[in-house]
Amino acid sequence: MPHPEKSTNTHLTQKYAEALETNGADRIIFDDQVRGFGLRVYKSGKKVWYFRIFKWGKNHDKSLGLISEQNCSSARKLASTLRGQFDQNQNPIAEQKETAAKLTKNSREPSLTFAYGWSIYVDKHLEGQSARHYQDTVNMAKKHILPNFGNRDPSSIKKREWLAFMEKHRDERPGVARRIASAITNFYKFLDRNSAFTDLLENYPAPPVGGIAPPLQPRTSRIEEIEQVRDYWRAIKTLPNPSHRLIIRFLMLSNKRAGEVRNMRYEDVDFSKLIWTIPSNKSKNRIAQEVALTPTLMNLIIESLAGRNHGYIFSTSYGSKPITLGTKLSKKLSEAAKVGHITPHDLRRTMSSHLRDLGVEPEVRKFLRGHKQGDIADVYEQNSMIDRQRKAFLIWEESICIPANSK
């Protein structure tokens, strides 16, 4: 760490960082919101987002990217993620260095392995991406790519090997396969621009996975035709797990986020008033919501509980853990319904789109989606959206031919 170096605290914003003058000295301005997150200013004029934490008797520092390449909000999220990992006694900063060191400890010079190149890629390229993209890509590589190819010379990995590797993942988990293909493609493009690796790749066609075929089912964002929606509803019966059948039906009829439905607990439901309260800490926009329940939605809840009076509503572990939804489930259901690949979030888009066509008022549709929309909270307070929600749900159920007392 260069010295002398001064540090202060303030609320960091992108505008503040861009306007800050260097004053001819290296310094760090720490954020007053996320501990350890800061803006590092060099006397040369260079400004980077920065993270520092004191743990185990020493400082752990990491650059989070230039302010021109990474906005303040994304950098703060990444710093918060790092902070959380350190709070759990993990050291993500040292992990990349340790991985490269283990692979090269017996070499006089750093071995140009896939893992070594990946550690450079993470430091030089991924840090400029969003916090979520950064974490997802690092975790995906650690779980799927590095165990298979980490010790290999990147130029020695033949396209045939990558294709076999990708075909396996494409068959088992198509969502992960798309992310792996994208990561490998971007990684090889990066290596081709890196002086340590470019000679190795000079006669090698990078990237090696660009020609991989996409999943057989085309990606879509909603079910367009109402008859296809009915086909999808009927296809739910083909799912072997009854708990999966119940939660997919609930998602299809409630217009709520998968995470909100998965985390619904017994105590969140008022069985006498037919109302489900989503607490603020479980809502994406951090606003508590009251959701009207129709007889059909209530029947799905009661059937899923199977006599329980505790825990998560939709669960395969007697309420102790929320149910898991994955890409295999979505793929199987989409194939049975003969529609494009539909995810749980696409069911929200489907319902919102068709409610518009069925004449449901815009303010009701916005409220059903649970978005933070201007004066919607005021409308709710003044007019009570409960009855209007329930009416919209019943219109939707009727449109896809579901009797009022259906399970």
Protein backbone atom coordinates (compact mmCIF):
# COMPACT_ATOMS: atom_id res chain seq x y z
CA MET A 1 0.00 0.00 0.00
CA PRO A 2 1.43 3.34 -1.02
CA HIS A 3 2.18 5.91 1.68
CA PRO A 4 1.40 8.55 2.69
CA GLU A 5 -2.29 7.88 2.28
CA LYS A 6 -5.19 9.71 3.90
CA SER A 7 -8.74 8.44 4.37
CA THR A 8 -12.06 10.12 5.11
CA ASN A 9 -15.72 9.07 5.20
CA THR A 10 -18.66 10.35 3.15
CA HIS A 11 -21.66 9.07 1.22
CA LEU A 12 -20.24 7.99 -2.13
CA THR A 13 -22.10 8.57 -5.40
CA GLN A 14 -21.11 8.40 -9.05
CA LYS A 15 -21.48 12.17 -9.37
CA TYR A 16 -19.30 12.78 -6.30
CA ALA A 17 -16.57 10.44 -7.63
CA GLU A 18 -16.48 12.05 -11.06
CA ALA A 19 -16.31 15.57 -9.64
CA LEU A 20 -13.71 14.87 -6.95
CA GLU A 21 -10.35 16.57 -7.44
CA THR A 22 -7.13 14.63 -6.82
CA ASN A 23 -5.34 17.34 -4.78
CA GLY A 24 -1.98 15.82 -5.71
CA ALA A 25 -2.01 12.99 -3.14
CA ASP A 26 -3.10 9.37 -2.88
CA ARG A 27 -6.12 8.97 -0.63
CA ILE A 28 -9.16 6.81 0.10
CA ILE A 29 -12.66 8.13 0.77
CA PHE A 30 -14.71 5.45 2.50
CA ASP A 31 -18.46 5.11 2.15
CA ASP A 32 -20.70 5.77 5.15
CA GLN A 33 -23.20 3.13 4.01
CA VAL A 34 -21.20 -0.06 3.37
CA ARG A 35 -18.22 -0.52 5.69
CA GLY A 36 -15.02 -1.13 3.75
CA PHE A 37 -16.33 0.25 0.46
CA GLY A 38 -14.41 3.27 -0.76
CA LEU A 39 -13.12 5.44 -3.58
CA ARG A 40 -9.35 5.35 -4.07
CA VAL A 41 -7.89 8.46 -5.68
CA TYR A 42 -4.31 8.50 -6.99
CA LYS A 43 -2.28 11.68 -7.40
CA SER A 44 -1.99 10.74 -11.08
CA GLY A 45 -5.76 11.34 -11.39
CA LYS A 46 -6.77 7.69 -11.57
CA LYS A 47 -9.93 6.87 -9.56
CA VAL A 48 -11.05 3.37 -8.68
CA TRP A 49 -13.75 1.86 -6.49
CA TYR A 50 -12.08 0.05 -3.62
CA PHE A 51 -12.72 -2.42 -0.84
CA ARG A 52 -10.70 -2.87 2.36
CA ILE A 53 -11.38 -4.87 5.48
CA PHE A 54 -9.22 -5.47 8.55
CA LYS A 55 -9.49 -9.09 9.63
CA TRP A 56 -7.20 -11.73 11.07
CA GLY A 57 -4.70 -9.06 12.05
CA LYS A 58 -4.18 -7.43 8.66
CA ASN A 59 -5.82 -5.43 5.88
CA HIS A 60 -7.34 -7.17 2.86
CA ASP A 61 -7.62 -4.85 -0.15
CA LYS A 62 -9.24 -5.20 -3.56
CA SER A 63 -9.79 -2.86 -6.49
CA LEU A 64 -13.39 -2.97 -7.74
CA GLY A 65 -12.81 -1.23 -11.07
CA LEU A 66 -12.32 2.22 -12.55
CA ILE A 67 -15.17 4.65 -11.95
CA SER A 68 -15.44 5.07 -15.71
CA GLU A 69 -16.08 1.34 -16.16
CA GLN A 70 -18.06 0.46 -13.03
CA ASN A 71 -20.85 2.60 -11.59
CA CYS A 72 -21.09 3.33 -7.89
CA SER A 73 -24.21 1.24 -7.27
CA SER A 74 -22.71 -1.93 -8.78
CA ALA A 75 -19.40 -1.42 -6.97
CA ARG A 76 -21.21 -0.93 -3.65
CA LYS A 77 -23.15 -4.18 -4.17
CA LEU A 78 -19.92 -6.03 -4.93
CA ALA A 79 -18.30 -4.57 -1.79
CA SER A 80 -21.34 -5.61 0.24
CA THR A 81 -21.03 -9.15 -1.14
CA LEU A 82 -17.33 -9.27 -0.23
CA ARG A 83 -18.10 -7.91 3.22
CA GLY A 84 -20.68 -10.64 3.77
CA GLN A 85 -18.20 -13.33 2.77
CA PHE A 86 -15.60 -12.00 5.19
CA ASP A 87 -18.26 -11.86 7.92
CA GLN A 88 -18.72 -15.60 7.32
CA ASN A 89 -14.95 -16.10 7.78
CA GLN A 90 -14.33 -16.56 4.06
CA ASN A 91 -11.52 -14.79 2.20
CA PRO A 92 -12.62 -14.32 -1.44
CA ILE A 93 -9.74 -11.91 -2.15
CA ALA A 94 -7.08 -14.46 -1.28
CA GLU A 95 -8.88 -17.34 -2.95
CA GLN A 96 -7.93 -16.40 -6.54
CA LYS A 97 -4.29 -15.83 -5.59
CA GLU A 98 -4.14 -19.12 -3.70
CA THR A 99 -5.60 -21.02 -6.66
CA ALA A 100 -2.96 -19.67 -9.02
CA ALA A 101 -0.19 -20.23 -6.45
CA LYS A 102 -1.10 -23.90 -5.93
CA LEU A 103 -1.02 -24.54 -9.64
CA THR A 104 2.36 -22.90 -10.14
CA LYS A 105 4.24 -23.55 -6.89
CA ASN A 106 6.61 -26.08 -8.50
CA SER A 107 7.37 -23.90 -11.52
CA ARG A 108 10.15 -21.36 -11.85
CA GLU A 109 7.80 -19.15 -13.81
CA PRO A 110 4.01 -18.87 -13.59
CA SER A 111 2.43 -21.76 -15.49
CA LEU A 112 0.12 -20.52 -18.23
CA THR A 113 -2.77 -22.73 -17.17
CA PHE A 114 -6.48 -22.17 -17.69
CA ALA A 115 -6.86 -21.41 -13.97
CA TYR A 116 -4.02 -18.86 -14.03
CA GLY A 117 -5.53 -17.16 -17.08
CA TRP A 118 -8.94 -17.22 -15.42
CA SER A 119 -7.59 -15.47 -12.31
CA ILE A 120 -6.22 -12.68 -14.55
CA TYR A 121 -9.55 -12.52 -16.40
CA VAL A 122 -11.43 -12.13 -13.12
CA ASP A 123 -9.13 -9.34 -11.91
CA LYS A 124 -8.89 -7.41 -15.17
CA HIS A 125 -12.28 -7.95 -16.79
CA LEU A 126 -14.99 -9.21 -14.43
CA GLU A 127 -14.38 -6.48 -11.86
CA GLY A 128 -15.85 -4.04 -14.35
CA GLN A 129 -19.13 -5.98 -14.48
CA SER A 130 -22.13 -5.82 -12.17
CA ALA A 131 -21.84 -7.38 -8.72
CA ARG A 132 -24.37 -10.08 -9.53
CA HIS A 133 -22.73 -10.99 -12.85
CA TYR A 134 -19.32 -11.08 -11.15
CA GLN A 135 -20.45 -13.40 -8.36
CA ASP A 136 -22.52 -15.68 -10.60
CA THR A 137 -19.65 -16.11 -13.09
CA VAL A 138 -17.01 -16.75 -10.41
CA ASN A 139 -19.22 -19.33 -8.67
CA MET A 140 -20.15 -21.02 -11.94
CA ALA A 141 -16.48 -21.36 -12.99
CA LYS A 142 -15.46 -22.66 -9.57
CA LYS A 143 -18.17 -25.33 -9.66
CA HIS A 144 -18.20 -26.42 -13.31
CA ILE A 145 -15.21 -25.21 -15.36
CA LEU A 146 -12.07 -25.11 -13.20
CA PRO A 147 -12.40 -28.67 -11.79
CA ASN A 148 -12.36 -29.97 -15.38
CA PHE A 149 -9.89 -27.66 -17.13
CA GLY A 150 -8.06 -25.63 -14.45
CA ASN A 151 -4.70 -27.42 -14.79
CA ARG A 152 -4.73 -27.43 -18.58
CA ASP A 153 -2.93 -25.16 -21.03
CA PRO A 154 -5.79 -23.22 -22.68
CA SER A 155 -4.36 -23.84 -26.13
CA SER A 156 -4.27 -27.60 -25.54
CA ILE A 157 -8.02 -27.88 -24.89
CA LYS A 158 -9.51 -28.98 -28.18
CA LYS A 159 -12.85 -27.79 -29.47
CA ARG A 160 -14.08 -31.41 -29.38
CA GLU A 161 -13.51 -31.44 -25.58
CA TRP A 162 -15.40 -28.19 -25.09
CA LEU A 163 -18.31 -29.46 -27.21
CA ALA A 164 -18.54 -32.71 -25.22
CA PHE A 165 -18.38 -30.74 -21.97
CA MET A 166 -21.09 -28.33 -23.14
CA GLU A 167 -23.37 -31.05 -24.51
CA LYS A 168 -23.43 -32.71 -21.11
CA HIS A 169 -24.44 -29.47 -19.38
CA ARG A 170 -26.88 -28.51 -22.13
CA ASP A 171 -28.76 -31.78 -21.64
CA GLU A 172 -28.77 -31.62 -17.85
CA ARG A 173 -29.04 -27.87 -17.13
CA PRO A 174 -29.59 -25.66 -20.21
CA GLY A 175 -29.61 -22.41 -18.24
CA VAL A 176 -26.18 -23.10 -16.78
CA ALA A 177 -24.94 -24.25 -20.21
CA ARG A 178 -25.73 -20.87 -21.77
CA ARG A 179 -23.81 -19.06 -19.02
CA ILE A 180 -20.84 -21.40 -19.34
CA ALA A 181 -20.71 -20.92 -23.12
CA SER A 182 -20.82 -17.14 -22.71
CA ALA A 183 -18.11 -17.17 -20.02
CA ILE A 184 -15.75 -19.38 -22.03
CA THR A 185 -16.26 -17.33 -25.19
CA ASN A 186 -15.49 -14.06 -23.39
CA PHE A 187 -12.54 -15.65 -21.57
CA TYR A 188 -10.81 -16.80 -24.76
CA LYS A 189 -11.39 -13.42 -26.38
CA PHE A 190 -9.72 -11.86 -23.34
CA LEU A 191 -6.75 -14.25 -23.55
CA ASP A 192 -6.29 -13.38 -27.20
CA ARG A 193 -5.70 -9.77 -26.10
CA ASN A 194 -3.34 -10.69 -23.23
CA SER A 195 0.39 -10.66 -24.04
CA ALA A 196 1.16 -13.71 -21.88
CA PHE A 197 -1.29 -15.92 -23.75
CA THR A 198 -1.71 -14.46 -27.22
CA ASP A 199 1.22 -16.43 -28.72
CA LEU A 200 -0.23 -19.68 -27.43
CA LEU A 201 -3.56 -18.89 -29.07
CA GLU A 202 -2.11 -17.55 -32.32
CA ASN A 203 -2.91 -20.74 -34.26
CA TYR A 204 -5.95 -21.70 -32.22
CA PRO A 205 -9.51 -20.69 -33.22
CA ALA A 206 -10.72 -18.66 -30.28
CA PRO A 207 -13.33 -18.74 -28.95
CA PRO A 208 -13.77 -22.53 -28.95
CA VAL A 209 -17.49 -22.74 -28.15
CA GLY A 210 -19.02 -20.12 -30.42
CA GLY A 211 -20.74 -22.70 -32.58
CA ILE A 212 -22.62 -24.54 -29.82
CA ALA A 213 -26.28 -24.95 -30.64
CA PRO A 214 -28.81 -23.31 -28.31
CA PRO A 215 -31.37 -25.38 -26.39
CA LEU A 216 -34.00 -26.99 -28.60
CA GLN A 217 -36.80 -24.91 -27.10
CA PRO A 218 -36.71 -21.27 -28.29
CA ARG A 219 -36.52 -18.68 -25.54
CA THR A 220 -39.62 -16.51 -25.14
CA SER A 221 -40.88 -14.05 -22.56
CA ARG A 222 -44.59 -14.83 -22.29
CA ILE A 223 -47.30 -17.18 -23.55
CA GLU A 224 -49.01 -15.17 -26.26
CA GLU A 225 -52.25 -17.07 -26.98
CA ILE A 226 -54.87 -17.79 -24.32
CA GLU A 227 -55.32 -21.35 -25.64
CA GLN A 228 -51.59 -21.93 -25.12
CA VAL A 229 -52.02 -20.67 -21.55
CA ARG A 230 -54.71 -23.33 -21.07
CA ASP A 231 -52.39 -25.95 -22.56
CA TYR A 232 -49.71 -24.89 -20.07
CA TRP A 233 -52.17 -25.17 -17.17
CA ARG A 234 -53.19 -28.67 -18.29
CA ALA A 235 -49.52 -29.67 -18.75
CA ILE A 236 -48.85 -29.02 -15.05
CA LYS A 237 -50.56 -32.37 -14.37
CA THR A 238 -47.62 -34.12 -16.06
CA LEU A 239 -45.17 -33.06 -13.33
CA PRO A 240 -44.40 -36.08 -11.11
CA ASN A 241 -43.93 -34.10 -7.88
CA PRO A 242 -47.29 -32.89 -6.42
CA SER A 243 -45.55 -30.02 -4.59
CA HIS A 244 -44.20 -28.73 -7.90
CA ARG A 245 -47.68 -28.93 -9.41
CA LEU A 246 -49.13 -26.86 -6.59
CA ILE A 247 -46.55 -24.05 -6.61
CA ILE A 248 -46.55 -23.70 -10.42
CA ARG A 249 -50.34 -23.39 -10.37
CA PHE A 250 -50.09 -20.78 -7.63
CA LEU A 251 -47.45 -18.82 -9.57
CA MET A 252 -49.57 -18.97 -12.71
CA LEU A 253 -52.63 -17.56 -10.92
CA SER A 254 -51.13 -15.06 -8.46
CA ASN A 255 -48.80 -12.90 -10.62
CA LYS A 256 -46.21 -12.95 -7.84
CA ARG A 257 -42.46 -13.46 -7.96
CA ALA A 258 -41.18 -17.00 -7.50
CA GLY A 259 -39.05 -15.95 -4.52
CA GLU A 260 -42.04 -14.37 -2.77
CA VAL A 261 -44.20 -17.47 -3.28
CA ARG A 262 -41.43 -19.89 -2.28
CA ASN A 263 -40.87 -17.94 0.98
CA MET A 264 -44.56 -17.78 1.93
CA ARG A 265 -45.03 -19.12 5.46
CA TYR A 266 -48.06 -20.31 7.40
CA GLU A 267 -48.11 -17.24 9.61
CA ASP A 268 -48.21 -14.95 6.54
CA VAL A 269 -51.71 -16.18 5.58
CA ASP A 270 -54.96 -14.95 7.14
CA PHE A 271 -57.20 -17.95 6.51
CA SER A 272 -60.39 -16.19 7.68
CA LYS A 273 -59.96 -13.05 5.55
CA LEU A 274 -58.35 -14.88 2.60
CA ILE A 275 -55.33 -12.54 2.57
CA TRP A 276 -51.63 -13.30 2.18
CA THR A 277 -49.27 -10.67 3.60
CA ILE A 278 -45.81 -10.47 2.03
CA PRO A 279 -43.54 -8.93 4.71
CA SER A 280 -41.27 -6.10 3.61
CA ASN A 281 -38.15 -8.21 4.20
CA LYS A 282 -39.43 -10.82 1.73
CA SER A 283 -40.59 -8.36 -0.92
CA LYS A 284 -38.23 -7.36 -3.72
CA ASN A 285 -39.10 -3.67 -3.39
CA ARG A 286 -38.95 -3.83 0.44
CA ILE A 287 -42.61 -2.80 0.75
CA ALA A 288 -45.11 -5.01 2.61
CA GLN A 289 -47.96 -6.17 0.39
CA GLU A 290 -51.40 -7.65 1.04
CA VAL A 291 -52.49 -10.13 -1.60
CA ALA A 292 -56.14 -11.12 -1.98
CA LEU A 293 -56.69 -14.86 -2.25
CA THR A 294 -59.41 -16.51 -4.30
CA PRO A 295 -60.92 -19.87 -3.30
CA THR A 296 -58.68 -21.52 -5.89
CA LEU A 297 -55.50 -19.95 -4.48
CA MET A 298 -56.56 -20.81 -0.94
CA ASN A 299 -57.23 -24.42 -1.95
CA LEU A 300 -53.68 -24.65 -3.34
CA ILE A 301 -52.28 -23.36 -0.03
CA ILE A 302 -54.36 -25.76 2.07
CA GLU A 303 -53.51 -28.75 -0.13
CA SER A 304 -49.80 -27.90 0.05
CA LEU A 305 -49.91 -27.62 3.85
CA ALA A 306 -51.39 -31.12 4.09
CA GLY A 307 -52.53 -30.55 7.67
CA ARG A 308 -49.48 -28.58 8.82
CA ASN A 309 -49.84 -25.33 10.78
CA HIS A 310 -46.23 -24.14 10.55
CA GLY A 311 -43.30 -23.50 8.23
CA TYR A 312 -43.10 -22.76 4.53
CA ILE A 313 -46.32 -23.30 2.58
CA PHE A 314 -44.67 -24.84 -0.50
CA SER A 315 -42.11 -27.32 0.74
CA THR A 316 -40.85 -30.84 0.19
CA SER A 317 -39.37 -31.05 3.70
CA TYR A 318 -42.49 -30.70 5.86
CA GLY A 319 -42.18 -26.92 5.96
CA SER A 320 -38.61 -26.66 7.18
CA LYS A 321 -37.25 -25.40 3.84
CA PRO A 322 -38.86 -23.68 0.84
CA ILE A 323 -39.32 -25.74 -2.30
CA THR A 324 -36.68 -25.50 -5.07
CA LEU A 325 -37.49 -24.55 -8.67
CA GLY A 326 -34.92 -25.18 -11.39
CA THR A 327 -34.39 -25.02 -15.13
CA LYS A 328 -35.08 -28.76 -15.54
CA LEU A 329 -38.60 -28.23 -14.20
CA SER A 330 -39.25 -25.28 -16.51
CA LYS A 331 -37.89 -27.19 -19.50
CA LYS A 332 -39.99 -30.28 -18.80
CA LEU A 333 -43.17 -28.25 -18.38
CA SER A 334 -42.53 -26.14 -21.50
CA GLU A 335 -41.97 -29.27 -23.58
CA ALA A 336 -45.17 -30.88 -22.26
CA ALA A 337 -47.17 -27.74 -23.10
CA LYS A 338 -45.44 -27.39 -26.50
CA VAL A 339 -44.59 -23.73 -25.93
CA GLY A 340 -41.25 -21.92 -25.98
CA HIS A 341 -39.03 -22.15 -22.90
CA ILE A 342 -41.04 -20.43 -20.14
CA THR A 343 -39.62 -19.56 -16.71
CA PRO A 344 -41.63 -18.76 -13.55
CA HIS A 345 -40.96 -15.05 -14.13
CA ASP A 346 -42.42 -15.37 -17.64
CA LEU A 347 -45.69 -16.46 -16.04
CA ARG A 348 -45.91 -12.97 -14.51
CA ARG A 349 -45.48 -11.35 -17.91
CA THR A 350 -48.06 -13.71 -19.37
CA MET A 351 -50.71 -12.88 -16.77
CA SER A 352 -50.06 -9.12 -16.89
CA SER A 353 -50.33 -9.08 -20.68
CA HIS A 354 -53.59 -11.02 -20.77
CA LEU A 355 -55.14 -9.02 -17.90
CA ARG A 356 -54.62 -5.92 -20.03
CA ASP A 357 -56.47 -7.59 -22.90
CA LEU A 358 -59.24 -8.63 -20.49
CA GLY A 359 -59.83 -5.00 -19.51
CA VAL A 360 -58.32 -4.96 -15.99
CA GLU A 361 -57.43 -1.38 -14.98
CA PRO A 362 -53.77 -0.31 -15.27
CA GLU A 363 -53.46 0.60 -11.57
CA VAL A 364 -54.73 -2.84 -10.56
CA ARG A 365 -52.31 -4.58 -12.93
CA LYS A 366 -49.41 -2.56 -11.50
CA PHE A 367 -50.45 -3.37 -7.96
CA LEU A 368 -50.75 -7.08 -8.75
CA ARG A 369 -47.18 -7.10 -10.07
CA GLY A 370 -45.97 -5.64 -6.77
CA HIS A 371 -43.93 -2.89 -8.40
CA LYS A 372 -43.05 0.33 -6.59
CA GLN A 373 -45.16 2.65 -8.72
CA GLY A 374 -45.61 6.28 -7.73
CA ASP A 375 -48.95 6.80 -6.04
CA ILE A 376 -50.07 3.16 -6.06
CA ALA A 377 -49.61 2.98 -2.29
CA ASP A 378 -51.97 5.98 -1.95
CA VAL A 379 -54.57 4.32 -4.13
CA TYR A 380 -54.32 1.25 -1.94
CA GLU A 381 -54.76 3.25 1.27
CA GLN A 382 -57.75 5.23 -0.05
CA ASN A 383 -59.72 2.66 -1.99
CA SER A 384 -58.53 -0.73 -0.65
CA MET A 385 -57.19 -2.82 -3.47
CA ILE A 386 -58.18 -6.13 -1.88
CA ASP A 387 -61.54 -6.50 -3.61
CA ARG A 388 -60.17 -5.25 -6.92
CA GLN A 389 -57.27 -7.71 -6.72
CA ARG A 390 -59.61 -10.61 -6.05
CA LYS A 391 -61.88 -9.60 -8.93
CA ALA A 392 -58.88 -9.48 -11.31
CA PHE A 393 -57.73 -12.93 -10.13
CA LEU A 394 -61.20 -14.37 -10.74
CA ILE A 395 -61.31 -12.85 -14.24
CA TRP A 396 -57.96 -14.49 -15.01
CA GLU A 397 -59.06 -17.86 -13.63
CA GLU A 398 -62.25 -17.77 -15.67
CA SER A 399 -60.34 -16.86 -18.86
CA ILE A 400 -58.30 -20.06 -18.64
CA CYS A 401 -61.39 -22.11 -17.78
CA ILE A 402 -60.68 -22.79 -14.11
CA PRO A 403 -63.84 -23.30 -11.99
CA ALA A 404 -64.04 -21.06 -8.92
CA ASN A 405 -63.59 -24.01 -6.54
CA SER A 406 -60.87 -25.75 -8.54
CA LYS A 407 -57.71 -27.11 -7.06
